[in-house]
Amino acid sequence: MTSMSGPEYVREELLRRLRDPDPRERQVALTELSDSVDQDAMEPLLVSLRDPDPVVRRLAVELLEELGDARAIAGLIELLLDPDATVQGAARAALREFRGAEAATALIAAIEHADPAVRSSVIVGLREIKDARSARPLIDALGDADGGVRREAVITLGYLRLADAVDPLRTRLSDPEESVRRVAVGALSFFTGPALLQDFLSCLTDSAWQVRREAAIVLGRTALSAAIPGLRTALADEYWQVRKVAAESLGRLHAAAAVPDLLELLSSDHADLRKAGAGALGEIRASRAVTALRALSQDPDVEVRKAAVRALEAIGRSSDHSSEEN
């Protein structure tokens, strides 16, 4: 009879203690097992996922996450509906860490689960795997009855940057839920170009200010001068958050035509708008804004003063460079 070495004996003893009737013993065994967990522990850990004690279930989830064996996915998916919130959270976190084709197969199959919370979580889990087979199921999930599922599908498709997803993602710009429309704008930003410009401009008139704000941000990243008129209009949005990012985007686009509009922001009652206006004028190198920016450098808000000084320095550098060239 072959005797086990010290470490092997300790591990076997810990696995035996997972069957102890005292939940505290099972908890301690799982905690100590973390130092020597290996594939031999898979079956006992899978059994522990169904333990009546929530702490045991959570600790088992964490060890299975460490192992990364796709055989655990089915059990983890069941725990997404666990009555204990900490166990649910551990299961969601674990599913985001699995990799490989086998894990992708299990997660893709679960996109059709009856519970929307499960569908959302497995879609999140597919982001890092980047398996081409997930494209079609994710596109299909854009039409899910649950807004949360549609939202996660939009985010994942944007993250994966699948060209085939562009047109399906465009349909979500008119989704009935604001959060889905907003993330659709962000997802489509990875495919920016003239073909999508009108979509983003249309979102500047969305009923939800969060969508308008996201569109203003994205338009500043397009490097397309055709975005400037829409962004100038957005400077009059009823929400200061939209006006702020519109100003920042106009600065990013070096929109000289917007200088008169940006100068008006310098007298806004809102410090963030004064700061955004100053920053944009500095990026544009608007020499006609020097007088107004000098006055703003005495603003009561320290961040506004800093923005005004930086803008003046940027304009000064631009003037010095022009003088040298002449």
C-alpha atoms as a PDB file:
ATOM      1  CA  MET A   1       0.000   0.000   0.000  1.00  0.00           C
ATOM      2  CA  THR A   2       1.473   3.316  -1.065  1.00  0.00           C
ATOM      3  CA  SER A   3       1.386   6.036   1.553  1.00  0.00           C
ATOM      4  CA  MET A   4       0.640   9.636   0.588  1.00  0.00           C
ATOM      5  CA  SER A   5       3.225  12.350   1.062  1.00  0.00           C
ATOM      6  CA  GLY A   6       2.599  15.228   3.505  1.00  0.00           C
ATOM      7  CA  PRO A   7       0.996  17.719   1.034  1.00  0.00           C
ATOM      8  CA  GLU A   8      -1.124  15.011  -0.606  1.00  0.00           C
ATOM      9  CA  TYR A   9      -2.382  13.813   2.762  1.00  0.00           C
ATOM     10  CA  VAL A  10      -3.264  17.355   3.806  1.00  0.00           C
ATOM     11  CA  ARG A  11      -5.229  17.917   0.593  1.00  0.00           C
ATOM     12  CA  GLU A  12      -7.106  14.636   0.943  1.00  0.00           C
ATOM     13  CA  GLU A  13      -7.942  15.508   4.533  1.00  0.00           C
ATOM     14  CA  LEU A  14      -9.285  18.897   3.458  1.00  0.00           C
ATOM     15  CA  LEU A  15     -11.422  17.289   0.747  1.00  0.00           C
ATOM     16  CA  ARG A  16     -12.763  14.831   3.328  1.00  0.00           C
ATOM     17  CA  ARG A  17     -13.705  17.723   5.612  1.00  0.00           C
ATOM     18  CA  LEU A  18     -15.908  19.146   2.834  1.00  0.00           C
ATOM     19  CA  ARG A  19     -18.361  16.421   3.852  1.00  0.00           C
ATOM     20  CA  ASP A  20     -18.288  17.372   7.535  1.00  0.00           C
ATOM     21  CA  PRO A  21     -21.775  18.044   8.967  1.00  0.00           C
ATOM     22  CA  ASP A  22     -20.537  21.265  10.587  1.00  0.00           C
ATOM     23  CA  PRO A  23     -20.658  24.128   8.027  1.00  0.00           C
ATOM     24  CA  ARG A  24     -17.843  25.913   9.850  1.00  0.00           C
ATOM     25  CA  GLU A  25     -15.564  22.916   9.220  1.00  0.00           C
ATOM     26  CA  ARG A  26     -16.494  22.956   5.548  1.00  0.00           C
ATOM     27  CA  GLN A  27     -15.766  26.675   5.367  1.00  0.00           C
ATOM     28  CA  VAL A  28     -12.345  26.268   6.967  1.00  0.00           C
ATOM     29  CA  ALA A  29     -11.532  23.353   4.666  1.00  0.00           C
ATOM     30  CA  LEU A  30     -12.281  25.431   1.573  1.00  0.00           C
ATOM     31  CA  THR A  31     -10.270  28.356   2.886  1.00  0.00           C
ATOM     32  CA  GLU A  32      -7.249  26.140   3.538  1.00  0.00           C
ATOM     33  CA  LEU A  33      -7.694  24.300   0.255  1.00  0.00           C
ATOM     34  CA  SER A  34      -7.020  27.543  -1.657  1.00  0.00           C
ATOM     35  CA  ASP A  35      -3.282  26.966  -1.152  1.00  0.00           C
ATOM     36  CA  SER A  36      -3.288  23.594  -2.889  1.00  0.00           C
ATOM     37  CA  VAL A  37      -6.359  23.456  -5.115  1.00  0.00           C
ATOM     38  CA  ASP A  38      -5.980  21.423  -8.324  1.00  0.00           C
ATOM     39  CA  GLN A  39      -8.092  19.463 -10.817  1.00  0.00           C
ATOM     40  CA  ASP A  40      -8.492  16.595  -8.344  1.00  0.00           C
ATOM     41  CA  ALA A  41     -10.685  18.935  -6.294  1.00  0.00           C
ATOM     42  CA  MET A  42     -13.143  19.592  -9.139  1.00  0.00           C
ATOM     43  CA  GLU A  43     -15.829  17.056  -8.220  1.00  0.00           C
ATOM     44  CA  PRO A  44     -15.920  17.897  -4.487  1.00  0.00           C
ATOM     45  CA  LEU A  45     -16.049  21.601  -5.339  1.00  0.00           C
ATOM     46  CA  LEU A  46     -18.909  21.088  -7.780  1.00  0.00           C
ATOM     47  CA  VAL A  47     -20.800  19.288  -5.023  1.00  0.00           C
ATOM     48  CA  SER A  48     -20.055  22.228  -2.695  1.00  0.00           C
ATOM     49  CA  LEU A  49     -21.855  24.555  -5.091  1.00  0.00           C
ATOM     50  CA  ARG A  50     -25.060  22.954  -3.828  1.00  0.00           C
ATOM     51  CA  ASP A  51     -24.084  23.169  -0.155  1.00  0.00           C
ATOM     52  CA  PRO A  52     -26.877  24.461   2.138  1.00  0.00           C
ATOM     53  CA  ASP A  53     -24.463  27.023   3.620  1.00  0.00           C
ATOM     54  CA  PRO A  54     -24.052  30.197   1.490  1.00  0.00           C
ATOM     55  CA  VAL A  55     -20.503  30.843   2.694  1.00  0.00           C
ATOM     56  CA  VAL A  56     -19.480  27.367   1.556  1.00  0.00           C
ATOM     57  CA  ARG A  57     -21.108  27.954  -1.828  1.00  0.00           C
ATOM     58  CA  ARG A  58     -19.311  31.281  -2.227  1.00  0.00           C
ATOM     59  CA  LEU A  59     -15.914  29.845  -1.274  1.00  0.00           C
ATOM     60  CA  ALA A  60     -16.441  26.951  -3.703  1.00  0.00           C
ATOM     61  CA  VAL A  61     -17.216  29.444  -6.477  1.00  0.00           C
ATOM     62  CA  GLU A  62     -13.988  31.327  -5.797  1.00  0.00           C
ATOM     63  CA  LEU A  63     -11.903  28.148  -5.970  1.00  0.00           C
ATOM     64  CA  LEU A  64     -13.585  27.025  -9.173  1.00  0.00           C
ATOM     65  CA  GLU A  65     -12.862  30.438 -10.643  1.00  0.00           C
ATOM     66  CA  GLU A  66      -9.213  29.890  -9.772  1.00  0.00           C
ATOM     67  CA  LEU A  67      -9.213  26.505 -11.504  1.00  0.00           C
ATOM     68  CA  GLY A  68     -10.870  27.921 -14.630  1.00  0.00           C
ATOM     69  CA  ASP A  69     -12.268  24.542 -15.682  1.00  0.00           C
ATOM     70  CA  ALA A  70     -15.261  24.955 -18.009  1.00  0.00           C
ATOM     71  CA  ARG A  71     -16.992  22.005 -16.335  1.00  0.00           C
ATOM     72  CA  ALA A  72     -17.894  24.409 -13.545  1.00  0.00           C
ATOM     73  CA  ILE A  73     -19.868  26.786 -15.763  1.00  0.00           C
ATOM     74  CA  ALA A  74     -23.205  24.964 -15.592  1.00  0.00           C
ATOM     75  CA  GLY A  75     -23.126  25.023 -11.787  1.00  0.00           C
ATOM     76  CA  LEU A  76     -22.088  28.650 -11.693  1.00  0.00           C
ATOM     77  CA  ILE A  77     -24.942  29.588 -14.001  1.00  0.00           C
ATOM     78  CA  GLU A  78     -27.391  27.990 -11.567  1.00  0.00           C
ATOM     79  CA  LEU A  79     -25.948  30.159  -8.794  1.00  0.00           C
ATOM     80  CA  LEU A  80     -26.810  33.315 -10.695  1.00  0.00           C
ATOM     81  CA  LEU A  81     -30.268  32.742  -9.238  1.00  0.00           C
ATOM     82  CA  ASP A  82     -28.996  31.860  -5.752  1.00  0.00           C
ATOM     83  CA  PRO A  83     -31.079  33.326  -2.886  1.00  0.00           C
ATOM     84  CA  ASP A  84     -27.891  34.774  -1.360  1.00  0.00           C
ATOM     85  CA  ALA A  85     -26.706  37.986  -3.036  1.00  0.00           C
ATOM     86  CA  THR A  86     -23.037  37.395  -2.226  1.00  0.00           C
ATOM     87  CA  VAL A  87     -23.145  33.992  -3.896  1.00  0.00           C
ATOM     88  CA  GLN A  88     -24.808  35.523  -6.952  1.00  0.00           C
ATOM     89  CA  GLY A  89     -22.112  38.188  -7.133  1.00  0.00           C
ATOM     90  CA  ALA A  90     -19.317  35.631  -6.808  1.00  0.00           C
ATOM     91  CA  ALA A  91     -20.841  33.533  -9.590  1.00  0.00           C
ATOM     92  CA  ARG A  92     -21.138  36.550 -11.893  1.00  0.00           C
ATOM     93  CA  ALA A  93     -17.532  37.517 -11.229  1.00  0.00           C
ATOM     94  CA  ALA A  94     -16.331  33.959 -11.823  1.00  0.00           C
ATOM     95  CA  LEU A  95     -18.103  33.617 -15.157  1.00  0.00           C
ATOM     96  CA  ARG A  96     -16.223  36.678 -16.433  1.00  0.00           C
ATOM     97  CA  GLU A  97     -12.909  34.901 -15.881  1.00  0.00           C
ATOM     98  CA  PHE A  98     -13.382  31.741 -17.953  1.00  0.00           C
ATOM     99  CA  ARG A  99     -11.533  31.380 -21.254  1.00  0.00           C
ATOM    100  CA  GLY A 100     -11.339  28.935 -24.130  1.00  0.00           C
ATOM    101  CA  ALA A 101     -13.613  27.274 -26.664  1.00  0.00           C
ATOM    102  CA  GLU A 102     -15.253  24.927 -24.160  1.00  0.00           C
ATOM    103  CA  ALA A 103     -16.212  27.836 -21.915  1.00  0.00           C
ATOM    104  CA  ALA A 104     -17.547  29.770 -24.903  1.00  0.00           C
ATOM    105  CA  THR A 105     -19.735  26.838 -25.918  1.00  0.00           C
ATOM    106  CA  ALA A 106     -21.312  26.637 -22.464  1.00  0.00           C
ATOM    107  CA  LEU A 107     -21.899  30.386 -22.218  1.00  0.00           C
ATOM    108  CA  ILE A 108     -23.331  30.693 -25.728  1.00  0.00           C
ATOM    109  CA  ALA A 109     -25.838  27.939 -24.965  1.00  0.00           C
ATOM    110  CA  ALA A 110     -26.948  29.812 -21.836  1.00  0.00           C
ATOM    111  CA  ILE A 111     -27.887  32.928 -23.843  1.00  0.00           C
ATOM    112  CA  GLU A 112     -31.237  31.189 -24.336  1.00  0.00           C
ATOM    113  CA  HIS A 113     -31.781  30.620 -20.609  1.00  0.00           C
ATOM    114  CA  ALA A 114     -35.300  31.386 -19.396  1.00  0.00           C
ATOM    115  CA  ASP A 115     -34.164  33.950 -16.812  1.00  0.00           C
ATOM    116  CA  PRO A 116     -33.027  37.379 -18.109  1.00  0.00           C
ATOM    117  CA  ALA A 117     -30.540  37.807 -15.242  1.00  0.00           C
ATOM    118  CA  VAL A 118     -28.763  34.669 -16.400  1.00  0.00           C
ATOM    119  CA  ARG A 119     -28.833  35.756 -20.036  1.00  0.00           C
ATOM    120  CA  SER A 120     -27.287  39.102 -19.114  1.00  0.00           C
ATOM    121  CA  SER A 121     -24.535  37.543 -17.023  1.00  0.00           C
ATOM    122  CA  VAL A 122     -23.441  34.987 -19.602  1.00  0.00           C
ATOM    123  CA  ILE A 123     -23.308  37.694 -22.272  1.00  0.00           C
ATOM    124  CA  VAL A 124     -20.938  39.651 -20.050  1.00  0.00           C
ATOM    125  CA  GLY A 125     -18.875  36.473 -19.644  1.00  0.00           C
ATOM    126  CA  LEU A 126     -18.437  36.202 -23.408  1.00  0.00           C
ATOM    127  CA  ARG A 127     -16.648  39.552 -23.715  1.00  0.00           C
ATOM    128  CA  GLU A 128     -13.168  38.385 -22.856  1.00  0.00           C
ATOM    129  CA  ILE A 129     -13.411  35.017 -24.594  1.00  0.00           C
ATOM    130  CA  LYS A 130     -13.817  36.631 -28.025  1.00  0.00           C
ATOM    131  CA  ASP A 131     -15.114  33.510 -29.729  1.00  0.00           C
ATOM    132  CA  ALA A 132     -16.369  34.129 -33.286  1.00  0.00           C
ATOM    133  CA  ARG A 133     -19.268  31.724 -32.694  1.00  0.00           C
ATOM    134  CA  SER A 134     -20.821  34.194 -30.250  1.00  0.00           C
ATOM    135  CA  ALA A 135     -21.494  36.789 -32.961  1.00  0.00           C
ATOM    136  CA  ARG A 136     -24.821  35.456 -34.201  1.00  0.00           C
ATOM    137  CA  PRO A 137     -26.309  34.682 -30.762  1.00  0.00           C
ATOM    138  CA  LEU A 138     -25.269  38.122 -29.521  1.00  0.00           C
ATOM    139  CA  ILE A 139     -26.842  39.838 -32.516  1.00  0.00           C
ATOM    140  CA  ASP A 140     -30.009  37.840 -31.918  1.00  0.00           C
ATOM    141  CA  ALA A 141     -29.932  38.980 -28.267  1.00  0.00           C
ATOM    142  CA  LEU A 142     -30.320  42.582 -29.462  1.00  0.00           C
ATOM    143  CA  GLY A 143     -33.978  41.715 -29.940  1.00  0.00           C
ATOM    144  CA  ASP A 144     -34.407  40.188 -26.471  1.00  0.00           C
ATOM    145  CA  ALA A 145     -37.612  41.109 -24.633  1.00  0.00           C
ATOM    146  CA  ASP A 146     -35.580  42.256 -21.624  1.00  0.00           C
ATOM    147  CA  GLY A 147     -33.890  45.658 -21.807  1.00  0.00           C
ATOM    148  CA  GLY A 148     -31.029  44.585 -19.551  1.00  0.00           C
ATOM    149  CA  VAL A 149     -30.176  41.709 -21.876  1.00  0.00           C
ATOM    150  CA  ARG A 150     -30.282  43.997 -24.910  1.00  0.00           C
ATOM    151  CA  ARG A 151     -28.019  46.450 -23.108  1.00  0.00           C
ATOM    152  CA  GLU A 152     -25.376  43.807 -22.318  1.00  0.00           C
ATOM    153  CA  ALA A 153     -25.552  42.454 -25.870  1.00  0.00           C
ATOM    154  CA  VAL A 154     -24.953  45.949 -27.254  1.00  0.00           C
ATOM    155  CA  ILE A 155     -21.970  46.528 -24.969  1.00  0.00           C
ATOM    156  CA  THR A 156     -20.456  43.131 -25.771  1.00  0.00           C
ATOM    157  CA  LEU A 157     -20.829  43.557 -29.536  1.00  0.00           C
ATOM    158  CA  GLY A 158     -19.185  46.962 -29.311  1.00  0.00           C
ATOM    159  CA  TYR A 159     -16.403  45.506 -27.191  1.00  0.00           C
ATOM    160  CA  LEU A 160     -15.813  42.719 -29.709  1.00  0.00           C
ATOM    161  CA  ARG A 161     -15.907  45.236 -32.605  1.00  0.00           C
ATOM    162  CA  LEU A 162     -17.628  42.865 -34.997  1.00  0.00           C
ATOM    163  CA  ALA A 163     -18.198  44.547 -38.354  1.00  0.00           C
ATOM    164  CA  ASP A 164     -21.300  42.419 -38.992  1.00  0.00           C
ATOM    165  CA  ALA A 165     -22.875  43.949 -35.903  1.00  0.00           C
ATOM    166  CA  VAL A 166     -22.916  47.558 -37.166  1.00  0.00           C
ATOM    167  CA  ASP A 167     -26.332  47.533 -38.824  1.00  0.00           C
ATOM    168  CA  PRO A 168     -28.001  45.529 -36.018  1.00  0.00           C
ATOM    169  CA  LEU A 169     -26.497  47.959 -33.490  1.00  0.00           C
ATOM    170  CA  ARG A 170     -27.899  50.907 -35.425  1.00  0.00           C
ATOM    171  CA  THR A 171     -31.401  49.539 -34.824  1.00  0.00           C
ATOM    172  CA  ARG A 172     -30.812  49.925 -31.077  1.00  0.00           C
ATOM    173  CA  LEU A 173     -30.451  53.692 -31.481  1.00  0.00           C
ATOM    174  CA  SER A 174     -34.246  53.720 -31.477  1.00  0.00           C
ATOM    175  CA  ASP A 175     -34.628  51.218 -28.623  1.00  0.00           C
ATOM    176  CA  PRO A 176     -37.492  52.045 -26.229  1.00  0.00           C
ATOM    177  CA  GLU A 177     -35.071  52.111 -23.274  1.00  0.00           C
ATOM    178  CA  GLU A 178     -32.703  55.039 -22.761  1.00  0.00           C
ATOM    179  CA  SER A 179     -29.866  52.908 -21.366  1.00  0.00           C
ATOM    180  CA  VAL A 180     -29.850  50.720 -24.475  1.00  0.00           C
ATOM    181  CA  ARG A 181     -29.809  53.715 -26.832  1.00  0.00           C
ATOM    182  CA  ARG A 182     -26.980  55.295 -24.857  1.00  0.00           C
ATOM    183  CA  VAL A 183     -24.725  52.229 -24.928  1.00  0.00           C
ATOM    184  CA  ALA A 184     -25.566  51.715 -28.616  1.00  0.00           C
ATOM    185  CA  VAL A 185     -24.062  55.130 -29.369  1.00  0.00           C
ATOM    186  CA  GLY A 186     -20.957  54.138 -27.432  1.00  0.00           C
ATOM    187  CA  ALA A 187     -20.719  50.742 -29.134  1.00  0.00           C
ATOM    188  CA  LEU A 188     -21.023  52.288 -32.585  1.00  0.00           C
ATOM    189  CA  SER A 189     -18.257  54.763 -31.721  1.00  0.00           C
ATOM    190  CA  PHE A 190     -15.787  51.953 -32.403  1.00  0.00           C
ATOM    191  CA  PHE A 191     -16.895  52.056 -36.029  1.00  0.00           C
ATOM    192  CA  THR A 192     -16.871  55.847 -36.488  1.00  0.00           C
ATOM    193  CA  GLY A 193     -16.814  57.167 -40.018  1.00  0.00           C
ATOM    194  CA  PRO A 194     -18.836  59.210 -42.484  1.00  0.00           C
ATOM    195  CA  ALA A 195     -21.394  56.407 -42.846  1.00  0.00           C
ATOM    196  CA  LEU A 196     -22.413  56.711 -39.185  1.00  0.00           C
ATOM    197  CA  LEU A 197     -22.191  60.473 -38.868  1.00  0.00           C
ATOM    198  CA  GLN A 198     -25.885  61.096 -39.474  1.00  0.00           C
ATOM    199  CA  ASP A 199     -26.806  58.456 -36.879  1.00  0.00           C
ATOM    200  CA  PHE A 200     -24.776  60.260 -34.234  1.00  0.00           C
ATOM    201  CA  LEU A 201     -26.119  63.662 -35.254  1.00  0.00           C
ATOM    202  CA  SER A 202     -29.668  62.348 -34.980  1.00  0.00           C
ATOM    203  CA  CYS A 203     -28.924  61.224 -31.427  1.00  0.00           C
ATOM    204  CA  LEU A 204     -28.244  64.854 -30.474  1.00  0.00           C
ATOM    205  CA  THR A 205     -32.024  65.299 -30.515  1.00  0.00           C
ATOM    206  CA  ASP A 206     -32.834  62.144 -28.523  1.00  0.00           C
ATOM    207  CA  SER A 207     -35.442  62.539 -25.793  1.00  0.00           C
ATOM    208  CA  ALA A 208     -32.937  61.477 -23.108  1.00  0.00           C
ATOM    209  CA  TRP A 209     -30.129  63.874 -22.223  1.00  0.00           C
ATOM    210  CA  GLN A 210     -27.814  60.949 -21.427  1.00  0.00           C
ATOM    211  CA  VAL A 211     -28.063  59.792 -25.049  1.00  0.00           C
ATOM    212  CA  ARG A 212     -27.502  63.330 -26.334  1.00  0.00           C
ATOM    213  CA  ARG A 213     -24.443  63.635 -24.101  1.00  0.00           C
ATOM    214  CA  GLU A 214     -23.013  60.343 -25.375  1.00  0.00           C
ATOM    215  CA  ALA A 215     -23.579  61.415 -28.970  1.00  0.00           C
ATOM    216  CA  ALA A 216     -21.795  64.716 -28.342  1.00  0.00           C
ATOM    217  CA  ILE A 217     -18.812  62.849 -26.918  1.00  0.00           C
ATOM    218  CA  VAL A 218     -18.641  60.462 -29.864  1.00  0.00           C
ATOM    219  CA  LEU A 219     -18.943  63.233 -32.443  1.00  0.00           C
ATOM    220  CA  GLY A 220     -15.855  64.840 -30.973  1.00  0.00           C
ATOM    221  CA  ARG A 221     -13.911  61.668 -31.710  1.00  0.00           C
ATOM    222  CA  THR A 222     -14.942  61.427 -35.357  1.00  0.00           C
ATOM    223  CA  ALA A 223     -12.457  64.030 -36.661  1.00  0.00           C
ATOM    224  CA  LEU A 224     -15.195  65.009 -39.119  1.00  0.00           C
ATOM    225  CA  SER A 225     -15.827  68.717 -39.645  1.00  0.00           C
ATOM    226  CA  ALA A 226     -19.392  67.865 -40.700  1.00  0.00           C
ATOM    227  CA  ALA A 227     -20.098  67.193 -37.000  1.00  0.00           C
ATOM    228  CA  ILE A 228     -19.474  70.830 -36.067  1.00  0.00           C
ATOM    229  CA  PRO A 229     -22.896  72.377 -36.911  1.00  0.00           C
ATOM    230  CA  GLY A 230     -24.718  69.773 -34.834  1.00  0.00           C
ATOM    231  CA  LEU A 231     -22.381  70.265 -31.894  1.00  0.00           C
ATOM    232  CA  ARG A 232     -22.827  74.041 -32.085  1.00  0.00           C
ATOM    233  CA  THR A 233     -26.564  73.501 -31.828  1.00  0.00           C
ATOM    234  CA  ALA A 234     -25.979  71.219 -28.833  1.00  0.00           C
ATOM    235  CA  LEU A 235     -24.388  74.167 -27.003  1.00  0.00           C
ATOM    236  CA  ALA A 236     -27.968  75.368 -26.459  1.00  0.00           C
ATOM    237  CA  ASP A 237     -29.163  72.053 -24.977  1.00  0.00           C
ATOM    238  CA  GLU A 238     -31.348  72.383 -21.883  1.00  0.00           C
ATOM    239  CA  TYR A 239     -28.938  70.174 -19.915  1.00  0.00           C
ATOM    240  CA  TRP A 240     -25.584  71.635 -18.935  1.00  0.00           C
ATOM    241  CA  GLN A 241     -24.018  68.160 -19.107  1.00  0.00           C
ATOM    242  CA  VAL A 242     -24.724  68.062 -22.851  1.00  0.00           C
ATOM    243  CA  ARG A 243     -23.505  71.627 -23.379  1.00  0.00           C
ATOM    244  CA  LYS A 244     -20.266  70.813 -21.555  1.00  0.00           C
ATOM    245  CA  VAL A 245     -19.300  67.829 -23.699  1.00  0.00           C
ATOM    246  CA  ALA A 246     -20.427  69.632 -26.869  1.00  0.00           C
ATOM    247  CA  ALA A 247     -17.938  72.412 -26.040  1.00  0.00           C
ATOM    248  CA  GLU A 248     -15.196  69.874 -25.340  1.00  0.00           C
ATOM    249  CA  SER A 249     -15.883  68.109 -28.637  1.00  0.00           C
ATOM    250  CA  LEU A 250     -15.812  71.360 -30.571  1.00  0.00           C
ATOM    251  CA  GLY A 251     -12.408  72.045 -29.065  1.00  0.00           C
ATOM    252  CA  ARG A 252     -11.231  68.579 -30.025  1.00  0.00           C
ATOM    253  CA  LEU A 253     -12.370  69.237 -33.597  1.00  0.00           C
ATOM    254  CA  HIS A 254     -10.591  72.642 -33.625  1.00  0.00           C
ATOM    255  CA  ALA A 255     -13.882  74.192 -34.683  1.00  0.00           C
ATOM    256  CA  ALA A 256     -12.950  77.825 -35.347  1.00  0.00           C
ATOM    257  CA  ALA A 257     -16.498  78.534 -36.491  1.00  0.00           C
ATOM    258  CA  ALA A 258     -17.724  77.799 -32.969  1.00  0.00           C
ATOM    259  CA  VAL A 259     -15.561  80.465 -31.267  1.00  0.00           C
ATOM    260  CA  PRO A 260     -18.457  82.982 -30.860  1.00  0.00           C
ATOM    261  CA  ASP A 261     -20.605  80.279 -29.226  1.00  0.00           C
ATOM    262  CA  LEU A 262     -17.781  79.193 -26.943  1.00  0.00           C
ATOM    263  CA  LEU A 263     -17.092  82.774 -25.891  1.00  0.00           C
ATOM    264  CA  GLU A 264     -20.667  82.950 -24.620  1.00  0.00           C
ATOM    265  CA  LEU A 265     -19.979  79.982 -22.338  1.00  0.00           C
ATOM    266  CA  LEU A 266     -17.312  81.983 -20.527  1.00  0.00           C
ATOM    267  CA  SER A 267     -20.059  84.045 -18.887  1.00  0.00           C
ATOM    268  CA  SER A 268     -22.154  81.024 -17.868  1.00  0.00           C
ATOM    269  CA  ASP A 269     -23.352  80.737 -14.276  1.00  0.00           C
ATOM    270  CA  HIS A 270     -22.084  77.161 -14.275  1.00  0.00           C
ATOM    271  CA  ALA A 271     -18.366  76.773 -13.496  1.00  0.00           C
ATOM    272  CA  ASP A 272     -18.070  73.539 -15.474  1.00  0.00           C
ATOM    273  CA  LEU A 273     -19.330  75.301 -18.583  1.00  0.00           C
ATOM    274  CA  ARG A 274     -16.915  78.199 -18.155  1.00  0.00           C
ATOM    275  CA  LYS A 275     -14.090  75.696 -17.757  1.00  0.00           C
ATOM    276  CA  ALA A 276     -15.180  73.691 -20.822  1.00  0.00           C
ATOM    277  CA  GLY A 277     -15.471  76.853 -22.907  1.00  0.00           C
ATOM    278  CA  ALA A 278     -12.006  78.002 -21.898  1.00  0.00           C
ATOM    279  CA  GLY A 279     -10.507  74.604 -22.630  1.00  0.00           C
ATOM    280  CA  ALA A 280     -12.104  74.465 -26.072  1.00  0.00           C
ATOM    281  CA  LEU A 281     -10.940  77.967 -26.978  1.00  0.00           C
ATOM    282  CA  GLY A 282      -7.424  76.973 -25.989  1.00  0.00           C
ATOM    283  CA  GLU A 283      -7.527  73.867 -28.174  1.00  0.00           C
ATOM    284  CA  ILE A 284      -8.787  75.945 -31.096  1.00  0.00           C
ATOM    285  CA  ARG A 285      -6.001  78.509 -30.415  1.00  0.00           C
ATOM    286  CA  ALA A 286      -8.615  81.257 -30.661  1.00  0.00           C
ATOM    287  CA  SER A 287      -6.579  84.478 -30.492  1.00  0.00           C
ATOM    288  CA  ARG A 288      -9.757  86.576 -30.437  1.00  0.00           C
ATOM    289  CA  ALA A 289     -10.600  85.001 -27.089  1.00  0.00           C
ATOM    290  CA  VAL A 290      -7.493  86.352 -25.308  1.00  0.00           C
ATOM    291  CA  THR A 291      -9.202  89.319 -23.656  1.00  0.00           C
ATOM    292  CA  ALA A 292     -12.092  87.222 -22.362  1.00  0.00           C
ATOM    293  CA  LEU A 293      -9.730  84.513 -21.150  1.00  0.00           C
ATOM    294  CA  ARG A 294      -7.581  87.033 -19.295  1.00  0.00           C
ATOM    295  CA  ALA A 295     -10.682  88.205 -17.470  1.00  0.00           C
ATOM    296  CA  LEU A 296     -11.593  84.585 -16.758  1.00  0.00           C
ATOM    297  CA  SER A 297      -8.187  83.982 -15.193  1.00  0.00           C
ATOM    298  CA  GLN A 298      -9.576  85.948 -12.222  1.00  0.00           C
ATOM    299  CA  ASP A 299     -12.648  83.700 -11.937  1.00  0.00           C
ATOM    300  CA  PRO A 300     -13.722  82.789  -8.373  1.00  0.00           C
ATOM    301  CA  ASP A 301     -13.494  79.079  -9.259  1.00  0.00           C
ATOM    302  CA  VAL A 302      -9.927  77.762  -9.111  1.00  0.00           C
ATOM    303  CA  GLU A 303     -10.469  75.130 -11.821  1.00  0.00           C
ATOM    304  CA  VAL A 304     -11.871  77.744 -14.178  1.00  0.00           C
ATOM    305  CA  ARG A 305      -8.855  79.970 -13.517  1.00  0.00           C
ATOM    306  CA  LYS A 306      -6.514  77.092 -14.314  1.00  0.00           C
ATOM    307  CA  ALA A 307      -8.371  76.345 -17.557  1.00  0.00           C
ATOM    308  CA  ALA A 308      -8.185  80.000 -18.598  1.00  0.00           C
ATOM    309  CA  VAL A 309      -4.440  80.160 -17.920  1.00  0.00           C
ATOM    310  CA  ARG A 310      -3.802  76.957 -19.855  1.00  0.00           C
ATOM    311  CA  ALA A 311      -5.849  78.270 -22.769  1.00  0.00           C
ATOM    312  CA  LEU A 312      -3.898  81.537 -22.809  1.00  0.00           C
ATOM    313  CA  GLU A 313      -0.634  79.602 -22.765  1.00  0.00           C
ATOM    314  CA  ALA A 314      -1.784  77.441 -25.694  1.00  0.00           C
ATOM    315  CA  ILE A 315      -2.813  80.502 -27.698  1.00  0.00           C
ATOM    316  CA  GLY A 316       0.476  82.187 -26.826  1.00  0.00           C
ATOM    317  CA  ARG A 317       2.498  79.217 -28.040  1.00  0.00           C
ATOM    318  CA  SER A 318       0.518  79.199 -31.263  1.00  0.00           C
ATOM    319  CA  SER A 319       1.173  82.939 -31.791  1.00  0.00           C
ATOM    320  CA  ASP A 320       4.887  82.523 -31.092  1.00  0.00           C
ATOM    321  CA  HIS A 321       5.072  79.679 -33.578  1.00  0.00           C
ATOM    322  CA  SER A 322       3.306  81.744 -36.248  1.00  0.00           C
ATOM    323  CA  SER A 323       5.694  84.653 -35.664  1.00  0.00           C
ATOM    324  CA  GLU A 324       8.702  82.371 -36.064  1.00  0.00           C
ATOM    325  CA  GLU A 325       7.364  81.042 -39.352  1.00  0.00           C
ATOM    326  CA  ASN A 326       6.871  84.588 -40.654  1.00  0.00           C
END
